[in-house]
C-alpha atoms as a PDB file:
ATOM      1  CA  MET A   1      86.532 107.050  91.029  1.00  0.00           C
ATOM      2  CA  ASP A   2      87.533 109.430  88.032  1.00  0.00           C
ATOM      3  CA  GLY A   3      86.003 108.353  84.733  1.00  0.00           C
ATOM      4  CA  ASP A   4      88.449 110.089  83.165  1.00  0.00           C
ATOM      5  CA  ALA A   5      90.773 108.218  84.841  1.00  0.00           C
ATOM      6  CA  MET A   6      88.818 104.643  83.650  1.00  0.00           C
ATOM      7  CA  SER A   7      87.180 103.726  81.279  1.00  0.00           C
ATOM      8  CA  VAL A   8      83.628 104.486  81.213  1.00  0.00           C
ATOM      9  CA  CYS A   9      81.356 102.068  81.119  1.00  0.00           C
ATOM     10  CA  ILE A  10      77.671 103.539  81.821  1.00  0.00           C
ATOM     11  CA  GLU A  11      77.598 107.466  80.565  1.00  0.00           C
ATOM     12  CA  ILE A  12      73.813 109.562  81.354  1.00  0.00           C
ATOM     13  CA  ARG A  13      73.765 113.210  80.465  1.00  0.00           C
ATOM     14  CA  GLY A  14      70.374 114.977  80.977  1.00  0.00           C
ATOM     15  CA  LEU A  15      67.953 111.987  81.648  1.00  0.00           C
ATOM     16  CA  SER A  16      64.451 112.736  82.510  1.00  0.00           C
ATOM     17  CA  LYS A  17      61.140 110.608  82.460  1.00  0.00           C
ATOM     18  CA  VAL A  18      57.595 112.000  82.693  1.00  0.00           C
ATOM     19  CA  PHE A  19      55.083 109.223  83.490  1.00  0.00           C
ATOM     20  CA  THR A  20      51.709 110.300  82.340  1.00  0.00           C
ATOM     21  CA  THR A  21      48.242 108.726  83.261  1.00  0.00           C
ATOM     22  CA  GLY A  22      45.372 109.950  82.645  1.00  0.00           C
ATOM     23  CA  LYS A  23      45.589 113.979  83.300  1.00  0.00           C
ATOM     24  CA  ARG A  24      48.340 112.777  85.824  1.00  0.00           C
ATOM     25  CA  ARG A  25      51.877 113.933  85.040  1.00  0.00           C
ATOM     26  CA  VAL A  26      54.256 112.763  87.458  1.00  0.00           C
ATOM     27  CA  VAL A  27      58.119 114.065  86.723  1.00  0.00           C
ATOM     28  CA  ALA A  28      59.986 110.858  87.787  1.00  0.00           C
ATOM     29  CA  LEU A  29      63.508 112.066  87.131  1.00  0.00           C
ATOM     30  CA  GLU A  30      64.909 115.443  85.681  1.00  0.00           C
ATOM     31  CA  GLY A  31      68.727 116.340  84.524  1.00  0.00           C
ATOM     32  CA  LEU A  32      70.444 113.200  85.685  1.00  0.00           C
ATOM     33  CA  ASP A  33      74.133 112.930  84.980  1.00  0.00           C
ATOM     34  CA  MET A  34      76.084 110.134  85.859  1.00  0.00           C
ATOM     35  CA  ASP A  35      78.907 107.938  84.956  1.00  0.00           C
ATOM     36  CA  VAL A  36      80.148 104.344  85.820  1.00  0.00           C
ATOM     37  CA  ALA A  37      83.280 102.919  84.900  1.00  0.00           C
ATOM     38  CA  ASP A  38      84.064  99.484  84.025  1.00  0.00           C
ATOM     39  CA  GLY A  39      84.431  97.058  86.757  1.00  0.00           C
ATOM     40  CA  GLU A  40      82.765  99.595  88.873  1.00  0.00           C
ATOM     41  CA  PHE A  41      80.491  98.733  91.789  1.00  0.00           C
ATOM     42  CA  VAL A  42      78.270 101.642  92.466  1.00  0.00           C
ATOM     43  CA  CYS A  43      74.887 101.196  94.352  1.00  0.00           C
ATOM     44  CA  LEU A  44      72.547 103.907  94.184  1.00  0.00           C
ATOM     45  CA  LEU A  45      70.198 105.824  96.993  1.00  0.00           C
ATOM     46  CA  GLY A  46      67.331 107.811  97.809  1.00  0.00           C
ATOM     47  CA  PRO A  47      63.969 108.212  98.846  1.00  0.00           C
ATOM     48  CA  SER A  48      60.997 106.638  97.507  1.00  0.00           C
ATOM     49  CA  GLY A  49      59.793 107.237  95.271  1.00  0.00           C
ATOM     50  CA  CYS A  50      62.626 109.295  93.914  1.00  0.00           C
ATOM     51  CA  GLY A  51      63.029 107.278  90.296  1.00  0.00           C
ATOM     52  CA  LYS A  52      66.327 104.621  91.537  1.00  0.00           C
ATOM     53  CA  THR A  53      64.748 101.835  89.564  1.00  0.00           C
ATOM     54  CA  THR A  54      63.330 103.952  86.594  1.00  0.00           C
ATOM     55  CA  VAL A  55      67.069 104.482  86.375  1.00  0.00           C
ATOM     56  CA  LEU A  56      68.262 100.725  85.740  1.00  0.00           C
ATOM     57  CA  ARG A  57      64.662  99.914  83.881  1.00  0.00           C
ATOM     58  CA  ILE A  58      66.046 102.546  81.544  1.00  0.00           C
ATOM     59  CA  VAL A  59      69.946 101.956  81.270  1.00  0.00           C
ATOM     60  CA  ALA A  60      68.351  97.935  81.213  1.00  0.00           C
ATOM     61  CA  GLY A  61      66.208  99.158  78.278  1.00  0.00           C
ATOM     62  CA  LEU A  62      62.947  98.445  79.928  1.00  0.00           C
ATOM     63  CA  GLU A  63      61.852 102.045  80.276  1.00  0.00           C
ATOM     64  CA  PRO A  64      62.315 104.796  77.182  1.00  0.00           C
ATOM     65  CA  ALA A  65      63.591 107.792  78.585  1.00  0.00           C
ATOM     66  CA  THR A  66      61.475 110.904  77.841  1.00  0.00           C
ATOM     67  CA  GLY A  67      64.811 113.197  77.388  1.00  0.00           C
ATOM     68  CA  GLY A  68      68.538 113.048  77.842  1.00  0.00           C
ATOM     69  CA  SER A  69      70.958 109.942  76.774  1.00  0.00           C
ATOM     70  CA  VAL A  70      72.189 106.739  78.073  1.00  0.00           C
ATOM     71  CA  LEU A  71      75.318 104.881  77.028  1.00  0.00           C
ATOM     72  CA  VAL A  72      76.606 101.835  77.160  1.00  0.00           C
ATOM     73  CA  HIS A  73      80.310 101.634  76.228  1.00  0.00           C
ATOM     74  CA  GLY A  74      79.856 104.208  73.948  1.00  0.00           C
ATOM     75  CA  LYS A  75      76.716 102.962  72.374  1.00  0.00           C
ATOM     76  CA  GLY A  76      73.027 104.915  72.536  1.00  0.00           C
ATOM     77  CA  VAL A  77      70.483 102.814  74.723  1.00  0.00           C
ATOM     78  CA  SER A  78      67.579 102.051  73.015  1.00  0.00           C
ATOM     79  CA  SER A  79      66.212  98.675  73.562  1.00  0.00           C
ATOM     80  CA  ALA A  80      67.295  95.652  76.216  1.00  0.00           C
ATOM     81  CA  GLY A  81      70.395  94.047  74.823  1.00  0.00           C
ATOM     82  CA  PRO A  82      72.714  90.809  76.149  1.00  0.00           C
ATOM     83  CA  GLU A  83      75.437  93.279  77.228  1.00  0.00           C
ATOM     84  CA  ARG A  84      73.214  94.035  80.015  1.00  0.00           C
ATOM     85  CA  GLY A  85      71.769  91.929  82.622  1.00  0.00           C
ATOM     86  CA  MET A  86      69.235  92.494  85.225  1.00  0.00           C
ATOM     87  CA  VAL A  87      68.666  91.157  88.470  1.00  0.00           C
ATOM     88  CA  PHE A  88      64.957  91.603  89.993  1.00  0.00           C
ATOM     89  CA  GLN A  89      64.197  91.690  93.500  1.00  0.00           C
ATOM     90  CA  GLU A  90      61.148  89.400  93.139  1.00  0.00           C
ATOM     91  CA  PHE A  91      63.536  86.970  91.936  1.00  0.00           C
ATOM     92  CA  ALA A  92      61.314  86.025  88.772  1.00  0.00           C
ATOM     93  CA  LEU A  93      62.166  82.560  88.268  1.00  0.00           C
ATOM     94  CA  PHE A  94      59.859  80.066  85.967  1.00  0.00           C
ATOM     95  CA  PRO A  95      58.363  77.539  88.821  1.00  0.00           C
ATOM     96  CA  TRP A  96      58.032  75.131  86.080  1.00  0.00           C
ATOM     97  CA  ARG A  97      61.561  75.493  85.177  1.00  0.00           C
ATOM     98  CA  THR A  98      64.768  73.135  87.179  1.00  0.00           C
ATOM     99  CA  VAL A  99      67.436  75.719  88.344  1.00  0.00           C
ATOM    100  CA  ARG A 100      69.597  74.770  85.453  1.00  0.00           C
ATOM    101  CA  ARG A 101      66.817  75.743  82.865  1.00  0.00           C
ATOM    102  CA  ASN A 102      65.965  78.939  84.467  1.00  0.00           C
ATOM    103  CA  ILE A 103      69.348  79.594  84.278  1.00  0.00           C
ATOM    104  CA  GLU A 104      69.590  78.545  80.763  1.00  0.00           C
ATOM    105  CA  PHE A 105      66.211  80.564  79.580  1.00  0.00           C
ATOM    106  CA  GLY A 106      68.546  83.668  77.481  1.00  0.00           C
ATOM    107  CA  LEU A 107      70.492  81.008  76.339  1.00  0.00           C
ATOM    108  CA  GLU A 108      67.445  78.789  75.032  1.00  0.00           C
ATOM    109  CA  ILE A 109      66.051  82.035  73.416  1.00  0.00           C
ATOM    110  CA  ARG A 110      69.185  83.228  71.587  1.00  0.00           C
ATOM    111  CA  GLY A 111      69.201  79.395  70.229  1.00  0.00           C
ATOM    112  CA  VAL A 112      72.569  78.312  71.520  1.00  0.00           C
ATOM    113  CA  PRO A 113      73.857  74.531  71.116  1.00  0.00           C
ATOM    114  CA  GLU A 114      72.254  72.508  73.862  1.00  0.00           C
ATOM    115  CA  GLY A 115      75.686  71.248  75.021  1.00  0.00           C
ATOM    116  CA  LYS A 116      76.994  75.504  75.616  1.00  0.00           C
ATOM    117  CA  ARG A 117      74.154  75.744  77.481  1.00  0.00           C
ATOM    118  CA  ARG A 118      74.757  73.096  79.641  1.00  0.00           C
ATOM    119  CA  ALA A 119      78.851  73.970  79.947  1.00  0.00           C
ATOM    120  CA  ILE A 120      77.884  77.303  80.266  1.00  0.00           C
ATOM    121  CA  SER A 121      74.640  76.842  83.436  1.00  0.00           C
ATOM    122  CA  SER A 122      77.140  74.262  84.645  1.00  0.00           C
ATOM    123  CA  ASP A 123      79.855  76.747  85.583  1.00  0.00           C
ATOM    124  CA  LEU A 124      77.642  79.316  86.681  1.00  0.00           C
ATOM    125  CA  ILE A 125      75.832  76.997  88.554  1.00  0.00           C
ATOM    126  CA  ASP A 126      79.171  76.179  90.150  1.00  0.00           C
ATOM    127  CA  LEU A 127      80.427  80.262  90.941  1.00  0.00           C
ATOM    128  CA  VAL A 128      77.139  80.632  92.529  1.00  0.00           C
ATOM    129  CA  GLY A 129      77.531  77.959  94.494  1.00  0.00           C
ATOM    130  CA  LEU A 130      74.324  75.672  94.124  1.00  0.00           C
ATOM    131  CA  LYS A 131      76.548  72.351  93.094  1.00  0.00           C
ATOM    132  CA  GLY A 132      73.724  69.528  93.746  1.00  0.00           C
ATOM    133  CA  PHE A 133      70.831  71.932  93.302  1.00  0.00           C
ATOM    134  CA  GLU A 134      70.919  71.000  89.230  1.00  0.00           C
ATOM    135  CA  ASP A 135      67.575  69.859  88.772  1.00  0.00           C
ATOM    136  CA  ALA A 136      65.703  71.322  91.936  1.00  0.00           C
ATOM    137  CA  HIS A 137      62.399  73.638  91.126  1.00  0.00           C
ATOM    138  CA  PRO A 138      62.413  76.982  92.773  1.00  0.00           C
ATOM    139  CA  ASP A 139      59.327  76.354  95.328  1.00  0.00           C
ATOM    140  CA  GLU A 140      62.459  73.659  97.077  1.00  0.00           C
ATOM    141  CA  LEU A 141      64.851  76.784  97.647  1.00  0.00           C
ATOM    142  CA  SER A 142      65.020  79.134 100.177  1.00  0.00           C
ATOM    143  CA  GLY A 143      64.905  82.967  99.234  1.00  0.00           C
ATOM    144  CA  GLY A 144      68.635  83.483  99.125  1.00  0.00           C
ATOM    145  CA  MET A 145      69.281  80.089  96.924  1.00  0.00           C
ATOM    146  CA  ARG A 146      66.311  81.771  94.327  1.00  0.00           C
ATOM    147  CA  GLN A 147      67.994  84.861  93.816  1.00  0.00           C
ATOM    148  CA  ARG A 148      71.737  83.069  92.918  1.00  0.00           C
ATOM    149  CA  VAL A 149      69.886  81.537  90.279  1.00  0.00           C
ATOM    150  CA  GLY A 150      68.723  84.937  89.376  1.00  0.00           C
ATOM    151  CA  ILE A 151      71.965  85.817  89.339  1.00  0.00           C
ATOM    152  CA  ALA A 152      73.351  83.125  87.783  1.00  0.00           C
ATOM    153  CA  ARG A 153      70.633  83.081  84.643  1.00  0.00           C
ATOM    154  CA  ALA A 154      71.565  87.134  84.468  1.00  0.00           C
ATOM    155  CA  LEU A 155      75.604  86.389  84.277  1.00  0.00           C
ATOM    156  CA  ALA A 156      74.749  83.283  81.679  1.00  0.00           C
ATOM    157  CA  ASN A 157      74.711  85.897  79.063  1.00  0.00           C
ATOM    158  CA  GLU A 158      77.637  87.032  79.080  1.00  0.00           C
ATOM    159  CA  PRO A 159      76.916  90.985  80.086  1.00  0.00           C
ATOM    160  CA  THR A 160      79.632  93.424  80.733  1.00  0.00           C
ATOM    161  CA  VAL A 161      77.191  94.780  83.155  1.00  0.00           C
ATOM    162  CA  LEU A 162      74.892  93.962  85.700  1.00  0.00           C
ATOM    163  CA  LEU A 163      71.833  96.157  86.844  1.00  0.00           C
ATOM    164  CA  MET A 164      70.254  94.750  90.224  1.00  0.00           C
ATOM    165  CA  ASP A 165      66.976  96.237  91.561  1.00  0.00           C
ATOM    166  CA  GLU A 166      67.411  95.362  95.134  1.00  0.00           C
ATOM    167  CA  PRO A 167      67.767  91.726  94.945  1.00  0.00           C
ATOM    168  CA  PHE A 168      67.921  90.951  99.111  1.00  0.00           C
ATOM    169  CA  GLY A 169      65.536  93.361  99.671  1.00  0.00           C
ATOM    170  CA  SER A 170      63.211  90.051 100.125  1.00  0.00           C
ATOM    171  CA  LEU A 171      65.511  88.769 102.679  1.00  0.00           C
ATOM    172  CA  ASP A 172      66.019  87.780 105.903  1.00  0.00           C
ATOM    173  CA  ALA A 173      68.378  89.890 107.863  1.00  0.00           C
ATOM    174  CA  GLN A 174      71.136  86.717 107.882  1.00  0.00           C
ATOM    175  CA  THR A 175      70.657  85.465 104.867  1.00  0.00           C
ATOM    176  CA  ARG A 176      70.759  89.323 103.473  1.00  0.00           C
ATOM    177  CA  ASN A 177      74.411  89.850 104.495  1.00  0.00           C
ATOM    178  CA  LEU A 178      75.915  86.761 103.456  1.00  0.00           C
ATOM    179  CA  MET A 179      74.228  87.333  99.926  1.00  0.00           C
ATOM    180  CA  GLN A 180      76.317  90.397 100.112  1.00  0.00           C
ATOM    181  CA  LYS A 181      78.985  89.020 100.829  1.00  0.00           C
ATOM    182  CA  GLU A 182      78.238  86.362  98.092  1.00  0.00           C
ATOM    183  CA  LEU A 183      77.921  89.000  95.458  1.00  0.00           C
ATOM    184  CA  LEU A 184      81.695  90.664  95.976  1.00  0.00           C
ATOM    185  CA  ARG A 185      82.568  87.446  95.845  1.00  0.00           C
ATOM    186  CA  ILE A 186      81.247  86.904  92.376  1.00  0.00           C
ATOM    187  CA  TRP A 187      82.255  90.429  91.431  1.00  0.00           C
ATOM    188  CA  SER A 188      85.725  89.705  92.075  1.00  0.00           C
ATOM    189  CA  ALA A 189      85.138  86.915  89.711  1.00  0.00           C
ATOM    190  CA  THR A 190      84.360  88.343  86.704  1.00  0.00           C
ATOM    191  CA  LYS A 191      84.631  91.688  86.790  1.00  0.00           C
ATOM    192  CA  LYS A 192      81.706  93.008  85.706  1.00  0.00           C
ATOM    193  CA  THR A 193      80.253  96.041  86.319  1.00  0.00           C
ATOM    194  CA  VAL A 194      77.485  96.512  88.687  1.00  0.00           C
ATOM    195  CA  LEU A 195      74.971  99.020  89.012  1.00  0.00           C
ATOM    196  CA  PHE A 196      73.163  98.018  92.093  1.00  0.00           C
ATOM    197  CA  VAL A 197      70.020  99.639  93.158  1.00  0.00           C
ATOM    198  CA  THR A 198      68.601  99.346  97.381  1.00  0.00           C
ATOM    199  CA  HIS A 199      66.853 101.455 100.136  1.00  0.00           C
ATOM    200  CA  SER A 200      70.015 100.109 102.809  1.00  0.00           C
ATOM    201  CA  VAL A 201      72.928 102.588 103.628  1.00  0.00           C
ATOM    202  CA  ASP A 202      74.247  99.906 105.393  1.00  0.00           C
ATOM    203  CA  GLU A 203      74.250  98.180 102.273  1.00  0.00           C
ATOM    204  CA  ALA A 204      75.824 100.313 100.155  1.00  0.00           C
ATOM    205  CA  VAL A 205      78.546 100.676 102.374  1.00  0.00           C
ATOM    206  CA  PHE A 206      78.949  97.297 102.503  1.00  0.00           C
ATOM    207  CA  LEU A 207      78.891  96.681  98.565  1.00  0.00           C
ATOM    208  CA  ALA A 208      79.527 100.275  96.961  1.00  0.00           C
ATOM    209  CA  ASP A 209      83.075 101.351  95.652  1.00  0.00           C
ATOM    210  CA  ARG A 210      80.880 104.798  95.207  1.00  0.00           C
ATOM    211  CA  ILE A 211      77.904 105.861  95.935  1.00  0.00           C
ATOM    212  CA  MET A 212      75.189 108.124  94.688  1.00  0.00           C
ATOM    213  CA  VAL A 213      72.720 109.502  96.149  1.00  0.00           C
ATOM    214  CA  MET A 214      69.641 111.016  94.583  1.00  0.00           C
ATOM    215  CA  THR A 215      67.592 113.692  95.635  1.00  0.00           C
ATOM    216  CA  ALA A 216      63.593 113.289  96.219  1.00  0.00           C
ATOM    217  CA  ARG A 217      61.398 113.324  92.807  1.00  0.00           C
ATOM    218  CA  PRO A 218      62.542 114.511  90.460  1.00  0.00           C
ATOM    219  CA  GLY A 219      65.099 112.445  90.611  1.00  0.00           C
ATOM    220  CA  LYS A 220      68.788 113.716  90.046  1.00  0.00           C
ATOM    221  CA  ILE A 221      72.211 112.857  92.022  1.00  0.00           C
ATOM    222  CA  ARG A 222      72.770 115.276  94.479  1.00  0.00           C
ATOM    223  CA  GLU A 223      75.865 113.470  96.438  1.00  0.00           C
ATOM    224  CA  VAL A 224      78.481 110.962  94.991  1.00  0.00           C
ATOM    225  CA  ILE A 225      80.207 109.454  98.083  1.00  0.00           C
ATOM    226  CA  PRO A 226      83.930 106.898  97.480  1.00  0.00           C
ATOM    227  CA  VAL A 227      83.822 104.438 100.362  1.00  0.00           C
ATOM    228  CA  PRO A 228      87.659 104.059 100.307  1.00  0.00           C
ATOM    229  CA  LEU A 229      87.325 100.886 102.498  1.00  0.00           C
ATOM    230  CA  LYS A 230      89.387  98.197 101.765  1.00  0.00           C
ATOM    231  CA  ARG A 231      87.169  94.705 101.532  1.00  0.00           C
ATOM    232  CA  PRO A 232      86.113  92.752 103.601  1.00  0.00           C
ATOM    233  CA  ARG A 233      84.858  95.398 105.264  1.00  0.00           C
ATOM    234  CA  ASP A 234      83.733  95.370 108.916  1.00  0.00           C
ATOM    235  CA  ARG A 235      80.910  96.592 109.583  1.00  0.00           C
ATOM    236  CA  THR A 236      81.299  97.975 113.249  1.00  0.00           C
ATOM    237  CA  SER A 237      84.676  99.925 112.478  1.00  0.00           C
ATOM    238  CA  ALA A 238      84.898 103.412 113.011  1.00  0.00           C
ATOM    239  CA  GLU A 239      85.379 103.792 109.008  1.00  0.00           C
ATOM    240  CA  PHE A 240      82.582 102.335 108.323  1.00  0.00           C
ATOM    241  CA  ILE A 241      80.390 103.530 110.548  1.00  0.00           C
ATOM    242  CA  ALA A 242      81.449 106.922 109.943  1.00  0.00           C
ATOM    243  CA  VAL A 243      81.054 106.528 106.007  1.00  0.00           C
ATOM    244  CA  ARG A 244      77.362 105.604 106.819  1.00  0.00           C
ATOM    245  CA  GLY A 245      77.386 109.082 109.029  1.00  0.00           C
ATOM    246  CA  THR A 246      77.755 110.361 105.504  1.00  0.00           C
ATOM    247  CA  VAL A 247      75.627 109.320 103.885  1.00  0.00           C
ATOM    248  CA  LEU A 248      72.874 109.590 106.352  1.00  0.00           C
ATOM    249  CA  ALA A 249      73.450 112.896 106.483  1.00  0.00           C
ATOM    250  CA  GLU A 250      73.094 113.277 102.447  1.00  0.00           C
ATOM    251  CA  LEU A 251      69.716 111.525 102.985  1.00  0.00           C
ATOM    252  CA  ASP A 252      67.957 113.219 105.422  1.00  0.00           C
ATOM    253  CA  GLU A 253      67.052 116.585 103.709  1.00  0.00           C
ATOM    254  CA  GLU A 254      65.615 114.582 100.751  1.00  0.00           C
ATOM    255  CA  PHE A 255      63.636 112.045 103.063  1.00  0.00           C
ATOM    256  CA  GLU A 256      62.347 115.521 104.689  1.00  0.00           C
ATOM    257  CA  LYS A 257      61.395 116.676 101.170  1.00  0.00           C
ATOM    258  CA  ALA A 258      59.580 113.504 100.223  1.00  0.00           C
ATOM    259  CA  ARG A 259      58.129 113.528 102.601  1.00  0.00           C
ATOM    260  CA  ALA A 260      56.702 117.429 102.322  1.00  0.00           C
ATOM    261  CA  LYS A 261      55.838 115.923  98.604  1.00  0.00           C
ATOM    262  CA  GLU A 262      54.021 113.104  99.922  1.00  0.00           C
ATOM    263  CA  LEU A 263      51.758 115.311 102.745  1.00  0.00           C
ATOM    264  CA  SER A 264      51.139 117.767  99.730  1.00  0.00           C
ATOM    265  CA  PRO A 265      48.202 118.255  98.166  1.00  0.00           C
ATOM    266  CA  ASP A 266      48.811 118.467  94.569  1.00  0.00           C
END
């Protein structure tokens, strides 16, 4: 999607991140540039350790950048903010809180009145398909249902950007496919901008408007691959398989580079 043709939501220029532990210095990101348009669904793919999650955490304001700039709707990111909602792989729900009270947590912190909190959480419970489970606790829910709660909680503050760090990575294959469809339904209903980290090429092709393939560490954008397929997408179609093959071809060289780094004595 051409950032000039549409309003840019996330603008990253020259992003770098260096982690230092004792005498060890790891350059995780170096010179990373990317744009994400308003309402766009973008997936980040790349070898393990290439910095995908680090990019997400910097955009979320949970991790400071070492260099470069990150703008969301033209404003620099220096800390977490309600316009950016984060969904984690590990659910990160409070076990002592019900579904409703987990969803309302951020609203409570912000001091939103109880009546408004309840109205917001009720709408989100309907949106994510959890009606009837409002008073259930996380240990009473399946993995897919827990992640629905995580998505609803992220949406409760009415963010314009949804940042998702392998949210379905711990789910079984059938539940993962179902949750991908549910996420697209929610995205279509809410018109959020989504930046989604995944290790799955199939998942990226099924979900994304564009796939950004990252290099092996230090991470930067190697290639941006548009996915010009109408939704809902058929994973068995020749067009789907062709895009998948294009993405895999880009990843192969980066996987080899990553493997070489792992085997290096340095």
